[in-house]
Amino acid sequence: QATPAPEPTRPAPARPAPATPAPRAEAARAGLNFSERKRLETLPAVIERLEAEIDKLTEFLAQPDLFQTAPAKFAKASDALVERQQALAAAEEEWLDLAERDQG
């Protein structure tokens, strides 16, 4: 029995390197536009407001009998707390990104 000859392997075509830098790196070098600069200026107040809301919700949820006496309020406050924490994390990340780009 004759074994079939293996097919010759073709080398994969080399991919050319991208001619332009990544959009994020390019944007970082360009600085901030007017709306980004305005957002950078307003974010500290947004962050402060979210932190205050988180503090109030945390204090409200700390009531020892809240879950037993008002489970609907507890659930609503818990959901609101999670939303505010996520919004705070996003705002802080956005501020850091804008501040870093403003420095560059």
Protein backbone atom coordinates (compact mmCIF):
# COMPACT_ATOMS: atom_id res chain seq x y z
CA GLN A 1 0.00 0.00 0.00
CA ALA A 2 1.30 3.38 -0.94
CA THR A 3 0.89 6.20 1.53
CA PRO A 4 -0.22 9.44 0.00
CA ALA A 5 2.40 12.12 -0.05
CA PRO A 6 1.77 14.83 2.56
CA GLU A 7 0.55 18.08 1.17
CA PRO A 8 3.18 20.76 1.25
CA THR A 9 2.57 23.26 3.99
CA ARG A 10 2.37 26.86 3.03
CA PRO A 11 3.73 29.43 5.39
CA ALA A 12 1.10 31.77 6.71
CA PRO A 13 1.28 35.15 5.06
CA ALA A 14 2.91 37.69 7.32
CA ARG A 15 0.54 40.34 8.57
CA PRO A 16 1.82 43.84 8.06
CA ALA A 17 2.20 45.92 11.17
CA PRO A 18 -0.52 48.51 11.60
CA ALA A 19 0.54 51.80 10.07
CA THR A 20 -1.37 53.93 12.56
CA PRO A 21 -1.15 53.78 16.35
CA ALA A 22 -4.07 52.52 18.37
CA PRO A 23 -6.92 55.05 18.60
CA ARG A 24 -6.58 55.32 22.38
CA ALA A 25 -2.89 56.15 22.18
CA GLU A 26 -3.56 58.67 19.42
CA ALA A 27 -6.31 60.31 21.45
CA ALA A 28 -4.02 60.46 24.48
CA ARG A 29 -1.50 62.49 22.51
CA ALA A 30 -4.13 64.82 21.12
CA GLY A 31 -5.12 66.21 24.54
CA LEU A 32 -8.67 67.02 25.55
CA ASN A 33 -11.34 68.64 23.48
CA PHE A 34 -13.71 71.23 24.95
CA SER A 35 -16.38 68.78 26.14
CA GLU A 36 -13.78 66.45 27.68
CA ARG A 37 -12.15 69.35 29.51
CA LYS A 38 -15.56 70.46 30.80
CA ARG A 39 -16.31 66.89 31.91
CA LEU A 40 -12.95 66.74 33.72
CA GLU A 41 -13.91 69.90 35.60
CA THR A 42 -17.38 68.62 36.60
CA LEU A 43 -16.45 65.06 37.56
CA PRO A 44 -15.12 65.91 41.06
CA ALA A 45 -18.55 67.30 42.01
CA VAL A 46 -20.25 64.19 40.55
CA ILE A 47 -17.89 61.95 42.52
CA GLU A 48 -18.51 63.92 45.72
CA ARG A 49 -22.29 63.69 45.25
CA LEU A 50 -22.12 59.94 44.64
CA GLU A 51 -19.95 59.45 47.73
CA ALA A 52 -22.49 61.40 49.83
CA GLU A 53 -25.37 59.30 48.46
CA ILE A 54 -23.43 56.10 49.18
CA ASP A 55 -22.81 57.27 52.75
CA LYS A 56 -26.52 58.01 53.27
CA LEU A 57 -27.60 54.68 51.80
CA THR A 58 -25.02 52.81 53.88
CA GLU A 59 -26.25 54.56 57.03
CA PHE A 60 -29.87 53.77 56.12
CA LEU A 61 -29.07 50.11 55.49
CA ALA A 62 -27.21 49.88 58.80
CA GLN A 63 -30.47 50.03 60.75
CA PRO A 64 -30.58 46.72 62.60
CA ASP A 65 -34.24 45.87 62.00
CA LEU A 66 -34.71 47.40 58.54
CA PHE A 67 -34.67 44.08 56.69
CA GLN A 68 -37.35 42.63 58.97
CA THR A 69 -39.60 45.68 59.27
CA ALA A 70 -39.34 47.05 55.72
CA PRO A 71 -37.96 44.44 53.31
CA ALA A 72 -39.08 46.42 50.23
CA LYS A 73 -37.23 49.53 51.41
CA PHE A 74 -34.20 47.41 52.23
CA ALA A 75 -34.19 45.88 48.74
CA LYS A 76 -34.69 49.24 47.04
CA ALA A 77 -31.92 50.86 49.09
CA SER A 78 -29.60 47.90 48.42
CA ASP A 79 -30.18 48.19 44.67
CA ALA A 80 -29.62 51.95 44.81
CA LEU A 81 -26.39 51.42 46.74
CA VAL A 82 -25.05 49.01 44.11
CA GLU A 83 -25.99 51.44 41.33
CA ARG A 84 -24.26 54.35 43.07
CA GLN A 85 -21.14 52.29 43.73
CA GLN A 86 -20.95 51.30 40.05
CA ALA A 87 -21.53 54.90 38.96
CA LEU A 88 -18.81 56.06 41.35
CA ALA A 89 -16.32 53.53 40.01
CA ALA A 90 -17.12 54.59 36.43
CA ALA A 91 -16.83 58.29 37.28
CA GLU A 92 -13.49 57.78 39.02
CA GLU A 93 -12.16 55.76 36.10
CA GLU A 94 -13.34 58.41 33.63
CA TRP A 95 -11.74 61.16 35.71
CA LEU A 96 -8.44 59.29 35.88
CA ASP A 97 -8.46 58.70 32.13
CA LEU A 98 -9.22 62.35 31.35
CA ALA A 99 -6.68 63.63 33.88
CA GLU A 100 -4.00 61.38 32.42
CA ARG A 101 -4.76 62.54 28.90
CA ASP A 102 -4.76 66.16 30.05
CA GLN A 103 -1.25 65.72 31.46
CA GLY A 104 0.03 64.33 28.14
